[in-house]
Every structure is written in C-alpha cells, then in structure tokens.
Amino acid sequence: MRIVADQVSVAMERILVRQNLEEALASAADGQRTLLALMEHVPEGITITDGPDARIRMVSRHGEMLLGGAHAGLTAGDVAGRWRVYREDGETPLNDEDLPILRAIRSGETVRNAEIVQRNDRGEKLTLLCNAAPIRDVSGGILGGVAAWRDISGRKRVLEALRKSEERFRRVFEQSSSGIVLCDFEGRILDVNQGFCRLTGYADRELIGRD
C-alpha cells in the first residue's frame, strides 16, 4: 500500500507540475500577445534591447515610421549611426554612450525626459523626448533596456514661434515713443514702457501694481 501511495503521490506531483507549466506558458503567451499589440498600435516610439551591446529586439511600428526603416537586429549604436543623433541644440553630435538606452543598460540609470534631436530617412531633424530604464532579472542583474520616445518637434516649433513673437513685442514695447500700459483683467498695471513714464512723470516702479 505504501508503494502504491508513493506512486500516486509522484503522479499527482507530476500532474501539478504539468498544470503549472501549462499555466505559465499560457500566461507567457498572453503577455507576448499583449506586448505585440502594444508595439503595433501605441502611437509612441518604443525600443526594447538586449544587453550588454544594446542589440534591438523590438521597435514599435510608430517608432519605425517616425525614423524610417527597420531597426530589429541592429544595435543602438547602429541606429545612431544611420539616423544621426544630436544634443538638444540640434547641432552637437551625441556620443553613443550618452544615448538614453545605453545609459540605462550600462549604468542602470533611469533616464527621464531627455531631449535629443535625430534625423529621419527624409533628412528631417526630429526633436525627441526620451525616457529609458534597464530591464533586470530577479537578482537585479541588467538583461537589457527599454526606451520610450515621442516626437515633440511640433511643440518645439510652437514654443520657438512664441519666443520670437515675445521678443518682437518687447522690442516694440520698450522702444516705442508712445505710452504703453499692460493691465490684468482687474485693471491692475502689470507693466509700463518708458514712453508712458515720460508722459506721466512717474517711474515704472511707482505705477506697477496700481489700479
């Protein structure tokens, strides 16, 4: 009876192991399908790499469309060589070791909101806002890295246009011989130009903040 019981126990353990394995495989398959759906449909650039050479395993469809061409199988350095990468000024080349994904893989750094400029296949310079983090195993070792990046070129153009518009306004405001007063919605004076000071005989510090 003891032998039969032992055999039954072993058989039950094997069944449980098989069930756990099947559940783990099913869960992994579900996770893979979810990842593939994200990489296919999310309107963000997403790059997943293996370490330590940052060889690219996957890139989102949106990311490949932004830059042009397939990335899978290349290293992060290969991508930076083909689609030239610059610092935020758009002129100074960015060294490979300063790429957000390589910083994440090689130093374990979590990179947040780093701005870089990268050329696409059409020769256009895109301003990208990048975040990157290492992918770790259960013991904390770095297996690779993941980077998410977004094209903010349009926003940068708007901000630059606003900056230039503000500069033009300040030149007119400061150089005009006519008196100009800026007020808030409640009628309090926010600023005055020197033309207005000359007309009223008051210094700007005496006027700002008054109704």
N, C-alpha and C. Protein backbone atom coordinates (compact mmCIF):
# COMPACT_ATOMS: atom_id res chain seq x y z
N MET A 1 0.83 -1.21 0.00
CA MET A 1 0.00 0.00 0.00
C MET A 1 0.86 1.26 0.00
N ARG A 2 2.01 1.17 0.76
CA ARG A 2 2.88 2.35 0.80
C ARG A 2 3.45 2.64 -0.57
N ILE A 3 3.81 1.57 -1.32
CA ILE A 3 4.36 1.75 -2.66
C ILE A 3 3.33 2.39 -3.58
N VAL A 4 2.09 1.89 -3.47
CA VAL A 4 1.01 2.45 -4.30
C VAL A 4 0.79 3.92 -3.94
N ALA A 5 0.81 4.23 -2.65
CA ALA A 5 0.61 5.62 -2.21
C ALA A 5 1.71 6.52 -2.74
N ASP A 6 2.95 6.02 -2.67
CA ASP A 6 4.07 6.80 -3.17
C ASP A 6 3.93 7.05 -4.67
N GLN A 7 3.53 6.02 -5.39
CA GLN A 7 3.35 6.18 -6.84
C GLN A 7 2.25 7.18 -7.16
N VAL A 8 1.16 7.11 -6.39
CA VAL A 8 0.07 8.08 -6.58
C VAL A 8 0.56 9.50 -6.29
N SER A 9 1.36 9.65 -5.20
CA SER A 9 1.87 10.97 -4.83
C SER A 9 2.76 11.53 -5.93
N VAL A 10 3.64 10.67 -6.47
CA VAL A 10 4.53 11.10 -7.56
C VAL A 10 3.72 11.50 -8.78
N ALA A 11 2.71 10.70 -9.08
CA ALA A 11 1.86 11.00 -10.25
C ALA A 11 1.15 12.34 -10.06
N MET A 12 0.65 12.59 -8.84
CA MET A 12 -0.04 13.85 -8.57
C MET A 12 0.91 15.04 -8.70
N GLU A 13 2.12 14.86 -8.20
CA GLU A 13 3.11 15.93 -8.30
C GLU A 13 3.41 16.24 -9.77
N ARG A 14 3.52 15.19 -10.58
CA ARG A 14 3.80 15.39 -12.00
C ARG A 14 2.63 16.13 -12.68
N ILE A 15 1.42 15.76 -12.28
CA ILE A 15 0.25 16.44 -12.84
C ILE A 15 0.26 17.92 -12.48
N LEU A 16 0.57 18.21 -11.20
CA LEU A 16 0.61 19.60 -10.75
C LEU A 16 1.71 20.39 -11.46
N VAL A 17 2.87 19.75 -11.61
CA VAL A 17 3.98 20.42 -12.32
C VAL A 17 3.58 20.72 -13.75
N ARG A 18 2.93 19.73 -14.40
CA ARG A 18 2.50 19.92 -15.79
C ARG A 18 1.46 21.04 -15.88
N GLN A 19 0.51 21.05 -14.93
CA GLN A 19 -0.51 22.10 -14.92
C GLN A 19 0.12 23.47 -14.72
N ASN A 20 1.07 23.56 -13.76
CA ASN A 20 1.73 24.84 -13.51
C ASN A 20 2.52 25.30 -14.73
N LEU A 21 3.18 24.37 -15.40
CA LEU A 21 3.94 24.70 -16.59
C LEU A 21 3.02 25.19 -17.70
N GLU A 22 1.90 24.48 -17.88
CA GLU A 22 0.95 24.89 -18.92
C GLU A 22 0.37 26.27 -18.62
N GLU A 23 0.08 26.53 -17.33
CA GLU A 23 -0.44 27.84 -16.96
C GLU A 23 0.60 28.93 -17.19
N ALA A 24 1.87 28.63 -16.85
CA ALA A 24 2.94 29.60 -17.06
C ALA A 24 3.13 29.89 -18.54
N LEU A 25 3.07 28.82 -19.36
CA LEU A 25 3.22 29.02 -20.81
C LEU A 25 2.07 29.82 -21.38
N ALA A 26 0.85 29.54 -20.89
CA ALA A 26 -0.32 30.29 -21.36
C ALA A 26 -0.20 31.75 -20.95
N SER A 27 0.25 32.00 -19.73
CA SER A 27 0.42 33.38 -19.26
C SER A 27 1.48 34.10 -20.09
N ALA A 28 2.58 33.39 -20.39
CA ALA A 28 3.64 33.99 -21.21
C ALA A 28 3.13 34.31 -22.61
N ALA A 29 2.32 33.40 -23.16
CA ALA A 29 1.76 33.64 -24.49
C ALA A 29 0.83 34.84 -24.48
N ASP A 30 0.03 34.98 -23.41
CA ASP A 30 -0.85 36.14 -23.29
C ASP A 30 -0.03 37.42 -23.20
N GLY A 31 1.04 37.36 -22.40
CA GLY A 31 1.90 38.53 -22.27
C GLY A 31 2.55 38.92 -23.58
N GLN A 32 2.96 37.93 -24.36
CA GLN A 32 3.58 38.20 -25.65
C GLN A 32 2.58 38.82 -26.61
N ARG A 33 1.35 38.31 -26.61
CA ARG A 33 0.32 38.89 -27.48
C ARG A 33 0.03 40.34 -27.09
N THR A 34 -0.01 40.60 -25.78
CA THR A 34 -0.25 41.97 -25.31
C THR A 34 0.88 42.89 -25.74
N LEU A 35 2.12 42.42 -25.58
CA LEU A 35 3.28 43.22 -25.98
C LEU A 35 3.25 43.51 -27.47
N LEU A 36 2.94 42.50 -28.28
CA LEU A 36 2.89 42.69 -29.74
C LEU A 36 1.80 43.70 -30.11
N ALA A 37 0.67 43.65 -29.43
CA ALA A 37 -0.40 44.60 -29.71
C ALA A 37 0.03 46.02 -29.36
N LEU A 38 0.72 46.17 -28.22
CA LEU A 38 1.22 47.49 -27.84
C LEU A 38 2.21 48.02 -28.87
N MET A 39 3.14 47.19 -29.27
CA MET A 39 4.17 47.62 -30.22
C MET A 39 3.58 47.93 -31.59
N GLU A 40 2.47 47.34 -31.90
CA GLU A 40 1.83 47.55 -33.19
C GLU A 40 0.97 48.82 -33.21
N HIS A 41 0.31 49.12 -32.08
CA HIS A 41 -0.74 50.14 -32.13
C HIS A 41 -0.48 51.39 -31.29
N VAL A 42 0.38 51.32 -30.29
CA VAL A 42 0.60 52.50 -29.44
C VAL A 42 1.31 53.59 -30.24
N PRO A 43 0.80 54.83 -30.26
CA PRO A 43 1.41 55.90 -31.05
C PRO A 43 2.62 56.53 -30.37
N GLU A 44 3.57 55.70 -29.97
CA GLU A 44 4.80 56.15 -29.33
C GLU A 44 5.96 55.35 -29.91
N GLY A 45 7.14 55.94 -29.88
CA GLY A 45 8.33 55.16 -30.20
C GLY A 45 8.72 54.34 -28.98
N ILE A 46 8.84 53.04 -29.14
CA ILE A 46 9.26 52.15 -28.05
C ILE A 46 10.33 51.23 -28.58
N THR A 47 11.46 51.17 -27.89
CA THR A 47 12.57 50.31 -28.28
C THR A 47 12.91 49.38 -27.13
N ILE A 48 13.01 48.09 -27.40
CA ILE A 48 13.40 47.09 -26.41
C ILE A 48 14.71 46.45 -26.89
N THR A 49 15.72 46.46 -26.03
CA THR A 49 17.03 45.95 -26.42
C THR A 49 17.53 44.90 -25.44
N ASP A 50 18.41 44.06 -25.93
CA ASP A 50 19.13 43.12 -25.08
C ASP A 50 20.46 43.74 -24.67
N GLY A 51 20.98 43.33 -23.53
CA GLY A 51 22.28 43.82 -23.10
C GLY A 51 23.34 42.78 -23.39
N PRO A 52 24.63 43.15 -23.31
CA PRO A 52 25.12 44.49 -22.95
C PRO A 52 25.38 45.40 -24.16
N ASP A 53 25.23 44.85 -25.38
CA ASP A 53 25.56 45.65 -26.56
C ASP A 53 24.37 46.44 -27.10
N ALA A 54 23.25 46.40 -26.38
CA ALA A 54 22.03 47.13 -26.76
C ALA A 54 21.55 46.72 -28.15
N ARG A 55 21.57 45.40 -28.40
CA ARG A 55 21.03 44.92 -29.67
C ARG A 55 19.51 44.95 -29.61
N ILE A 56 18.90 45.54 -30.62
CA ILE A 56 17.47 45.80 -30.60
C ILE A 56 16.68 44.53 -30.88
N ARG A 57 15.76 44.25 -29.96
CA ARG A 57 14.87 43.10 -30.12
C ARG A 57 13.57 43.51 -30.80
N MET A 58 13.02 44.65 -30.37
CA MET A 58 11.74 45.11 -30.93
C MET A 58 11.72 46.63 -30.97
N VAL A 59 11.02 47.16 -31.97
CA VAL A 59 10.72 48.59 -32.04
C VAL A 59 9.26 48.73 -32.44
N SER A 60 8.57 49.66 -31.84
CA SER A 60 7.16 49.85 -32.18
C SER A 60 7.02 50.30 -33.63
N ARG A 61 5.88 49.98 -34.21
CA ARG A 61 5.62 50.38 -35.60
C ARG A 61 5.69 51.91 -35.73
N HIS A 62 5.13 52.63 -34.75
CA HIS A 62 5.16 54.09 -34.81
C HIS A 62 6.60 54.61 -34.81
N GLY A 63 7.45 53.99 -33.99
CA GLY A 63 8.85 54.41 -33.95
C GLY A 63 9.56 54.21 -35.27
N GLU A 64 9.33 53.08 -35.90
CA GLU A 64 9.97 52.82 -37.20
C GLU A 64 9.42 53.76 -38.27
N MET A 65 8.14 54.10 -38.18
CA MET A 65 7.56 55.04 -39.15
C MET A 65 8.15 56.44 -38.98
N LEU A 66 8.41 56.84 -37.73
CA LEU A 66 8.97 58.16 -37.49
C LEU A 66 10.35 58.32 -38.13
N LEU A 67 11.21 57.33 -37.92
CA LEU A 67 12.58 57.43 -38.43
C LEU A 67 12.72 56.86 -39.83
N GLY A 68 11.94 55.83 -40.13
CA GLY A 68 12.03 55.17 -41.43
C GLY A 68 12.96 53.97 -41.36
N GLY A 69 12.50 52.82 -41.88
CA GLY A 69 13.34 51.63 -41.91
C GLY A 69 13.22 50.77 -40.66
N ALA A 70 13.61 49.51 -40.82
CA ALA A 70 13.53 48.53 -39.73
C ALA A 70 14.74 48.66 -38.81
N HIS A 71 14.51 48.45 -37.52
CA HIS A 71 15.58 48.55 -36.53
C HIS A 71 15.99 47.20 -35.94
N ALA A 72 15.09 46.23 -35.96
CA ALA A 72 15.33 44.96 -35.27
C ALA A 72 16.62 44.33 -35.77
N GLY A 73 17.45 43.87 -34.82
CA GLY A 73 18.72 43.24 -35.15
C GLY A 73 19.90 44.20 -35.14
N LEU A 74 19.63 45.49 -35.25
CA LEU A 74 20.69 46.48 -35.14
C LEU A 74 20.99 46.76 -33.68
N THR A 75 22.14 47.35 -33.39
CA THR A 75 22.41 47.85 -32.05
C THR A 75 21.98 49.30 -31.96
N ALA A 76 21.86 49.80 -30.73
CA ALA A 76 21.52 51.21 -30.56
C ALA A 76 22.56 52.09 -31.23
N GLY A 77 23.83 51.68 -31.20
CA GLY A 77 24.87 52.44 -31.88
C GLY A 77 24.70 52.44 -33.39
N ASP A 78 24.26 51.29 -33.95
CA ASP A 78 24.00 51.22 -35.39
C ASP A 78 22.90 52.21 -35.78
N VAL A 79 21.84 52.25 -34.98
CA VAL A 79 20.73 53.16 -35.26
C VAL A 79 21.19 54.61 -35.20
N ALA A 80 22.00 54.94 -34.17
CA ALA A 80 22.50 56.31 -34.05
C ALA A 80 23.42 56.68 -35.21
N GLY A 81 24.11 55.67 -35.76
CA GLY A 81 24.97 55.93 -36.91
C GLY A 81 24.18 56.15 -38.18
N ARG A 82 23.10 55.42 -38.35
CA ARG A 82 22.30 55.57 -39.58
C ARG A 82 21.40 56.79 -39.51
N TRP A 83 20.72 56.96 -38.36
CA TRP A 83 19.85 58.12 -38.17
C TRP A 83 20.56 59.03 -37.16
N ARG A 84 21.33 59.97 -37.67
CA ARG A 84 22.24 60.75 -36.84
C ARG A 84 21.53 61.38 -35.65
N VAL A 85 22.21 61.34 -34.49
CA VAL A 85 21.64 61.84 -33.25
C VAL A 85 22.48 63.02 -32.74
N TYR A 86 21.77 64.06 -32.28
CA TYR A 86 22.42 65.27 -31.80
C TYR A 86 21.89 65.60 -30.41
N ARG A 87 22.63 66.48 -29.75
CA ARG A 87 22.16 67.01 -28.47
C ARG A 87 20.97 67.93 -28.71
N GLU A 88 20.45 68.48 -27.64
CA GLU A 88 19.23 69.27 -27.72
C GLU A 88 19.35 70.46 -28.67
N ASP A 89 20.60 70.97 -28.86
CA ASP A 89 20.76 72.12 -29.74
C ASP A 89 20.60 71.76 -31.22
N GLY A 90 20.55 70.46 -31.54
CA GLY A 90 20.37 70.03 -32.92
C GLY A 90 21.61 70.11 -33.77
N GLU A 91 22.75 70.50 -33.18
CA GLU A 91 24.00 70.67 -33.93
C GLU A 91 25.14 69.81 -33.40
N THR A 92 25.20 69.64 -32.10
CA THR A 92 26.31 68.90 -31.48
C THR A 92 26.01 67.41 -31.50
N PRO A 93 26.86 66.60 -32.17
CA PRO A 93 26.62 65.15 -32.20
C PRO A 93 26.59 64.56 -30.80
N LEU A 94 25.70 63.61 -30.59
CA LEU A 94 25.58 62.93 -29.30
C LEU A 94 26.41 61.66 -29.33
N ASN A 95 27.32 61.52 -28.38
CA ASN A 95 28.14 60.31 -28.30
C ASN A 95 27.27 59.10 -27.96
N ASP A 96 27.67 57.93 -28.48
CA ASP A 96 26.87 56.73 -28.24
C ASP A 96 26.61 56.48 -26.76
N GLU A 97 27.64 56.70 -25.93
CA GLU A 97 27.48 56.39 -24.51
C GLU A 97 26.47 57.31 -23.82
N ASP A 98 26.10 58.41 -24.49
CA ASP A 98 25.11 59.31 -23.91
C ASP A 98 23.70 59.03 -24.39
N LEU A 99 23.53 58.04 -25.28
CA LEU A 99 22.19 57.66 -25.70
C LEU A 99 21.40 57.17 -24.49
N PRO A 100 20.16 57.60 -24.31
CA PRO A 100 19.39 57.20 -23.12
C PRO A 100 19.35 55.68 -22.90
N ILE A 101 19.15 54.89 -23.97
CA ILE A 101 19.05 53.44 -23.80
C ILE A 101 20.37 52.84 -23.33
N LEU A 102 21.50 53.39 -23.80
CA LEU A 102 22.80 52.88 -23.37
C LEU A 102 23.12 53.32 -21.94
N ARG A 103 22.70 54.50 -21.57
CA ARG A 103 22.87 54.92 -20.18
C ARG A 103 22.11 53.98 -19.24
N ALA A 104 20.93 53.56 -19.67
CA ALA A 104 20.12 52.66 -18.85
C ALA A 104 20.78 51.29 -18.72
N ILE A 105 21.31 50.77 -19.84
CA ILE A 105 21.89 49.42 -19.83
C ILE A 105 23.23 49.38 -19.12
N ARG A 106 24.08 50.37 -19.38
CA ARG A 106 25.45 50.30 -18.89
C ARG A 106 25.64 50.79 -17.47
N SER A 107 24.77 51.70 -17.02
CA SER A 107 24.93 52.21 -15.66
C SER A 107 23.72 51.93 -14.78
N GLY A 108 22.68 51.33 -15.37
CA GLY A 108 21.47 51.07 -14.59
C GLY A 108 20.66 52.31 -14.31
N GLU A 109 20.95 53.38 -15.05
CA GLU A 109 20.27 54.66 -14.83
C GLU A 109 18.86 54.65 -15.40
N THR A 110 17.95 55.31 -14.70
CA THR A 110 16.63 55.59 -15.25
C THR A 110 16.65 57.00 -15.81
N VAL A 111 16.50 57.13 -17.10
CA VAL A 111 16.59 58.42 -17.78
C VAL A 111 15.19 58.97 -17.99
N ARG A 112 14.98 60.20 -17.58
CA ARG A 112 13.64 60.79 -17.68
C ARG A 112 13.69 62.10 -18.48
N ASN A 113 12.81 62.17 -19.48
CA ASN A 113 12.58 63.40 -20.24
C ASN A 113 13.86 64.02 -20.79
N ALA A 114 14.69 63.17 -21.40
CA ALA A 114 15.89 63.67 -22.07
C ALA A 114 15.52 64.09 -23.50
N GLU A 115 15.91 65.28 -23.90
CA GLU A 115 15.64 65.76 -25.26
C GLU A 115 16.85 65.51 -26.14
N ILE A 116 16.62 64.85 -27.26
CA ILE A 116 17.65 64.67 -28.27
C ILE A 116 17.06 65.04 -29.62
N VAL A 117 17.92 65.24 -30.58
CA VAL A 117 17.49 65.53 -31.96
C VAL A 117 18.02 64.42 -32.85
N GLN A 118 17.16 63.87 -33.69
CA GLN A 118 17.56 62.75 -34.56
C GLN A 118 17.01 62.96 -35.96
N ARG A 119 17.86 62.67 -36.95
CA ARG A 119 17.43 62.78 -38.35
C ARG A 119 16.64 61.54 -38.74
N ASN A 120 15.60 61.72 -39.55
CA ASN A 120 14.91 60.56 -40.09
C ASN A 120 15.42 60.29 -41.51
N ASP A 121 14.83 59.30 -42.17
CA ASP A 121 15.30 58.92 -43.50
C ASP A 121 15.10 60.01 -44.54
N ARG A 122 14.23 60.96 -44.24
CA ARG A 122 13.99 62.07 -45.18
C ARG A 122 14.91 63.25 -44.93
N GLY A 123 15.81 63.10 -43.96
CA GLY A 123 16.75 64.16 -43.65
C GLY A 123 16.21 65.21 -42.70
N GLU A 124 14.97 65.02 -42.20
CA GLU A 124 14.38 65.98 -41.27
C GLU A 124 14.92 65.74 -39.86
N LYS A 125 15.13 66.82 -39.13
CA LYS A 125 15.56 66.72 -37.74
C LYS A 125 14.34 66.70 -36.84
N LEU A 126 14.20 65.64 -36.07
CA LEU A 126 13.08 65.50 -35.14
C LEU A 126 13.59 65.70 -33.72
N THR A 127 12.86 66.48 -32.94
CA THR A 127 13.17 66.61 -31.52
C THR A 127 12.40 65.53 -30.78
N LEU A 128 13.12 64.67 -30.06
CA LEU A 128 12.50 63.53 -29.38
C LEU A 128 12.66 63.68 -27.88
N LEU A 129 11.58 63.42 -27.16
CA LEU A 129 11.61 63.39 -25.70
C LEU A 129 11.71 61.92 -25.29
N CYS A 130 12.80 61.57 -24.63
CA CYS A 130 13.12 60.16 -24.38
C CYS A 130 13.12 59.83 -22.89
N ASN A 131 12.61 58.63 -22.60
CA ASN A 131 12.72 58.03 -21.27
C ASN A 131 13.26 56.62 -21.45
N ALA A 132 14.13 56.20 -20.56
CA ALA A 132 14.73 54.86 -20.69
C ALA A 132 14.99 54.27 -19.31
N ALA A 133 14.97 52.94 -19.24
CA ALA A 133 15.21 52.25 -17.97
C ALA A 133 15.79 50.88 -18.26
N PRO A 134 16.56 50.33 -17.33
CA PRO A 134 17.09 48.98 -17.51
C PRO A 134 16.02 47.92 -17.30
N ILE A 135 16.19 46.78 -17.96
CA ILE A 135 15.37 45.59 -17.70
C ILE A 135 16.21 44.66 -16.86
N ARG A 136 15.72 44.27 -15.68
CA ARG A 136 16.53 43.49 -14.73
C ARG A 136 15.95 42.08 -14.55
N ASP A 137 16.82 41.15 -14.19
CA ASP A 137 16.36 39.81 -13.84
C ASP A 137 15.98 39.78 -12.36
N VAL A 138 15.60 38.62 -11.85
CA VAL A 138 15.10 38.53 -10.47
C VAL A 138 16.18 38.88 -9.45
N SER A 139 17.45 38.73 -9.82
CA SER A 139 18.53 39.05 -8.89
C SER A 139 19.02 40.48 -9.04
N GLY A 140 18.43 41.23 -9.94
CA GLY A 140 18.82 42.62 -10.12
C GLY A 140 19.82 42.86 -11.23
N GLY A 141 20.28 41.81 -11.88
CA GLY A 141 21.20 41.97 -13.00
C GLY A 141 20.50 42.59 -14.20
N ILE A 142 21.26 43.34 -15.00
CA ILE A 142 20.67 44.03 -16.15
C ILE A 142 20.67 43.11 -17.37
N LEU A 143 19.47 42.82 -17.87
CA LEU A 143 19.32 41.98 -19.05
C LEU A 143 19.28 42.80 -20.34
N GLY A 144 18.83 44.02 -20.24
CA GLY A 144 18.68 44.87 -21.42
C GLY A 144 18.09 46.20 -21.01
N GLY A 145 17.39 46.83 -21.94
CA GLY A 145 16.80 48.13 -21.64
C GLY A 145 15.57 48.40 -22.48
N VAL A 146 14.78 49.33 -22.02
CA VAL A 146 13.59 49.76 -22.77
C VAL A 146 13.59 51.28 -22.82
N ALA A 147 13.27 51.83 -23.97
CA ALA A 147 13.20 53.28 -24.14
C ALA A 147 11.87 53.64 -24.80
N ALA A 148 11.27 54.70 -24.33
CA ALA A 148 10.06 55.26 -24.95
C ALA A 148 10.39 56.67 -25.39
N TRP A 149 9.99 57.00 -26.61
CA TRP A 149 10.34 58.32 -27.13
C TRP A 149 9.20 58.87 -27.97
N ARG A 150 9.09 60.21 -27.91
CA ARG A 150 7.96 60.91 -28.53
C ARG A 150 8.48 62.08 -29.35
N ASP A 151 7.91 62.25 -30.53
CA ASP A 151 8.28 63.38 -31.39
C ASP A 151 7.59 64.65 -30.87
N ILE A 152 8.39 65.61 -30.39
CA ILE A 152 7.83 66.87 -29.89
C ILE A 152 8.26 68.03 -30.78
N SER A 153 8.61 67.73 -32.03
CA SER A 153 9.07 68.77 -32.95
C SER A 153 8.03 69.87 -33.13
N GLY A 154 6.76 69.49 -33.27
CA GLY A 154 5.70 70.48 -33.45
C GLY A 154 5.60 71.41 -32.26
N ARG A 155 5.66 70.82 -31.07
CA ARG A 155 5.58 71.64 -29.86
C ARG A 155 6.77 72.58 -29.76
N LYS A 156 7.96 72.11 -30.13
CA LYS A 156 9.15 72.95 -30.09
C LYS A 156 9.03 74.11 -31.07
N ARG A 157 8.45 73.84 -32.25
CA ARG A 157 8.28 74.92 -33.23
C ARG A 157 7.32 75.98 -32.71
N VAL A 158 6.25 75.53 -32.06
CA VAL A 158 5.29 76.49 -31.49
C VAL A 158 5.95 77.33 -30.42
N LEU A 159 6.72 76.71 -29.53
CA LEU A 159 7.40 77.43 -28.47
C LEU A 159 8.40 78.43 -29.03
N GLU A 160 9.11 78.01 -30.08
CA GLU A 160 10.08 78.92 -30.70
C GLU A 160 9.37 80.10 -31.35
N ALA A 161 8.25 79.85 -32.01
CA ALA A 161 7.47 80.94 -32.61
C ALA A 161 6.98 81.90 -31.53
N LEU A 162 6.52 81.37 -30.38
CA LEU A 162 6.07 82.22 -29.29
C LEU A 162 7.22 83.04 -28.72
N ARG A 163 8.40 82.41 -28.63
CA ARG A 163 9.56 83.14 -28.11
C ARG A 163 9.92 84.31 -29.02
N LYS A 164 9.92 84.07 -30.33
CA LYS A 164 10.25 85.14 -31.27
C LYS A 164 9.19 86.23 -31.25
N SER A 165 7.92 85.81 -31.13
CA SER A 165 6.85 86.80 -31.05
C SER A 165 7.00 87.66 -29.80
N GLU A 166 7.36 87.04 -28.69
CA GLU A 166 7.57 87.78 -27.45
C GLU A 166 8.74 88.75 -27.59
N GLU A 167 9.81 88.32 -28.26
CA GLU A 167 10.95 89.21 -28.47
C GLU A 167 10.56 90.42 -29.30
N ARG A 168 9.77 90.18 -30.36
CA ARG A 168 9.34 91.30 -31.20
C ARG A 168 8.46 92.26 -30.40
N PHE A 169 7.56 91.71 -29.59
CA PHE A 169 6.68 92.55 -28.78
C PHE A 169 7.51 93.39 -27.80
N ARG A 170 8.49 92.77 -27.13
CA ARG A 170 9.28 93.51 -26.16
C ARG A 170 10.06 94.63 -26.81
N ARG A 171 10.56 94.40 -28.03
CA ARG A 171 11.28 95.47 -28.73
C ARG A 171 10.36 96.65 -29.00
N VAL A 172 9.15 96.35 -29.51
CA VAL A 172 8.18 97.42 -29.78
C VAL A 172 7.79 98.11 -28.49
N PHE A 173 7.52 97.33 -27.45
CA PHE A 173 7.10 97.86 -26.16
C PHE A 173 8.15 98.80 -25.57
N GLU A 174 9.40 98.37 -25.61
CA GLU A 174 10.45 99.13 -24.96
C GLU A 174 10.92 100.33 -25.78
N GLN A 175 10.85 100.22 -27.11
CA GLN A 175 11.41 101.28 -27.95
C GLN A 175 10.37 102.29 -28.42
N SER A 176 9.09 102.01 -28.23
CA SER A 176 8.05 102.91 -28.71
C SER A 176 8.08 104.24 -27.95
N SER A 177 7.92 105.34 -28.69
CA SER A 177 7.83 106.65 -28.05
C SER A 177 6.43 106.89 -27.48
N SER A 178 5.46 106.09 -27.91
CA SER A 178 4.11 106.19 -27.37
C SER A 178 4.04 105.50 -26.01
N GLY A 179 3.13 105.93 -25.17
CA GLY A 179 2.96 105.29 -23.87
C GLY A 179 2.16 104.01 -23.99
N ILE A 180 2.68 102.96 -23.42
CA ILE A 180 2.00 101.66 -23.47
C ILE A 180 1.89 101.13 -22.04
N VAL A 181 0.68 100.68 -21.69
CA VAL A 181 0.41 100.13 -20.37
C VAL A 181 -0.16 98.73 -20.53
N LEU A 182 0.33 97.78 -19.76
CA LEU A 182 -0.22 96.42 -19.73
C LEU A 182 -0.95 96.23 -18.40
N CYS A 183 -2.21 95.80 -18.49
CA CYS A 183 -3.01 95.59 -17.28
C CYS A 183 -3.57 94.18 -17.25
N ASP A 184 -3.91 93.70 -16.04
CA ASP A 184 -4.59 92.42 -15.92
C ASP A 184 -6.10 92.64 -16.08
N PHE A 185 -6.88 91.55 -15.92
CA PHE A 185 -8.32 91.64 -16.13
C PHE A 185 -9.00 92.54 -15.11
N GLU A 186 -8.38 92.77 -13.98
CA GLU A 186 -8.98 93.60 -12.94
C GLU A 186 -8.50 95.05 -13.01
N GLY A 187 -7.71 95.37 -14.03
CA GLY A 187 -7.26 96.74 -14.23
C GLY A 187 -5.99 97.11 -13.52
N ARG A 188 -5.33 96.16 -12.84
CA ARG A 188 -4.06 96.46 -12.19
C ARG A 188 -2.96 96.53 -13.23
N ILE A 189 -2.07 97.48 -13.05
CA ILE A 189 -0.98 97.68 -14.01
C ILE A 189 0.09 96.60 -13.82
N LEU A 190 0.39 95.90 -14.89
CA LEU A 190 1.42 94.87 -14.86
C LEU A 190 2.76 95.40 -15.33
N ASP A 191 2.73 96.29 -16.31
CA ASP A 191 3.99 96.83 -16.84
C ASP A 191 3.68 98.11 -17.60
N VAL A 192 4.67 98.97 -17.68
CA VAL A 192 4.58 100.20 -18.48
C VAL A 192 5.91 100.39 -19.19
N ASN A 193 5.86 101.04 -20.34
CA ASN A 193 7.12 101.33 -21.02
C ASN A 193 7.60 102.73 -20.65
N GLN A 194 8.82 103.03 -21.10
CA GLN A 194 9.41 104.32 -20.75
C GLN A 194 8.65 105.48 -21.38
N GLY A 195 8.01 105.24 -22.53
CA GLY A 195 7.19 106.29 -23.15
C GLY A 195 6.08 106.74 -22.22
N PHE A 196 5.45 105.77 -21.54
CA PHE A 196 4.38 106.11 -20.62
C PHE A 196 4.93 106.84 -19.40
N CYS A 197 6.10 106.42 -18.94
CA CYS A 197 6.71 107.09 -17.79
C CYS A 197 7.01 108.55 -18.11
N ARG A 198 7.51 108.79 -19.33
CA ARG A 198 7.80 110.17 -19.72
C ARG A 198 6.52 111.01 -19.77
N LEU A 199 5.44 110.41 -20.25
CA LEU A 199 4.18 111.14 -20.36
C LEU A 199 3.59 111.48 -18.98
N THR A 200 3.73 110.58 -18.03
CA THR A 200 3.09 110.76 -16.73
C THR A 200 4.01 111.36 -15.67
N GLY A 201 5.31 111.23 -15.92
CA GLY A 201 6.26 111.73 -14.93
C GLY A 201 6.51 110.78 -13.78
N TYR A 202 5.96 109.57 -13.86
CA TYR A 202 6.17 108.55 -12.83
C TYR A 202 7.21 107.53 -13.29
N ALA A 203 7.92 106.94 -12.33
CA ALA A 203 8.80 105.82 -12.63
C ALA A 203 7.95 104.55 -12.72
N ASP A 204 8.45 103.57 -13.47
CA ASP A 204 7.67 102.34 -13.64
C ASP A 204 7.38 101.65 -12.31
N ARG A 205 8.32 101.71 -11.36
CA ARG A 205 8.10 101.04 -10.07
C ARG A 205 6.98 101.70 -9.26
N GLU A 206 6.68 102.96 -9.58
CA GLU A 206 5.60 103.66 -8.89
C GLU A 206 4.23 103.31 -9.47
N LEU A 207 4.23 102.78 -10.68
CA LEU A 207 2.98 102.50 -11.36
C LEU A 207 2.56 101.03 -11.31
N ILE A 208 3.54 100.14 -11.38
CA ILE A 208 3.22 98.71 -11.46
C ILE A 208 2.52 98.26 -10.17
N GLY A 209 1.39 97.60 -10.35
CA GLY A 209 0.60 97.11 -9.23
C GLY A 209 -0.56 98.02 -8.87
N ARG A 210 -0.57 99.26 -9.41
CA ARG A 210 -1.67 100.18 -9.11
C ARG A 210 -2.86 99.89 -10.02
N ASP A 211 -4.03 100.31 -9.57
CA ASP A 211 -5.25 100.16 -10.37
C ASP A 211 -5.31 101.28 -11.42
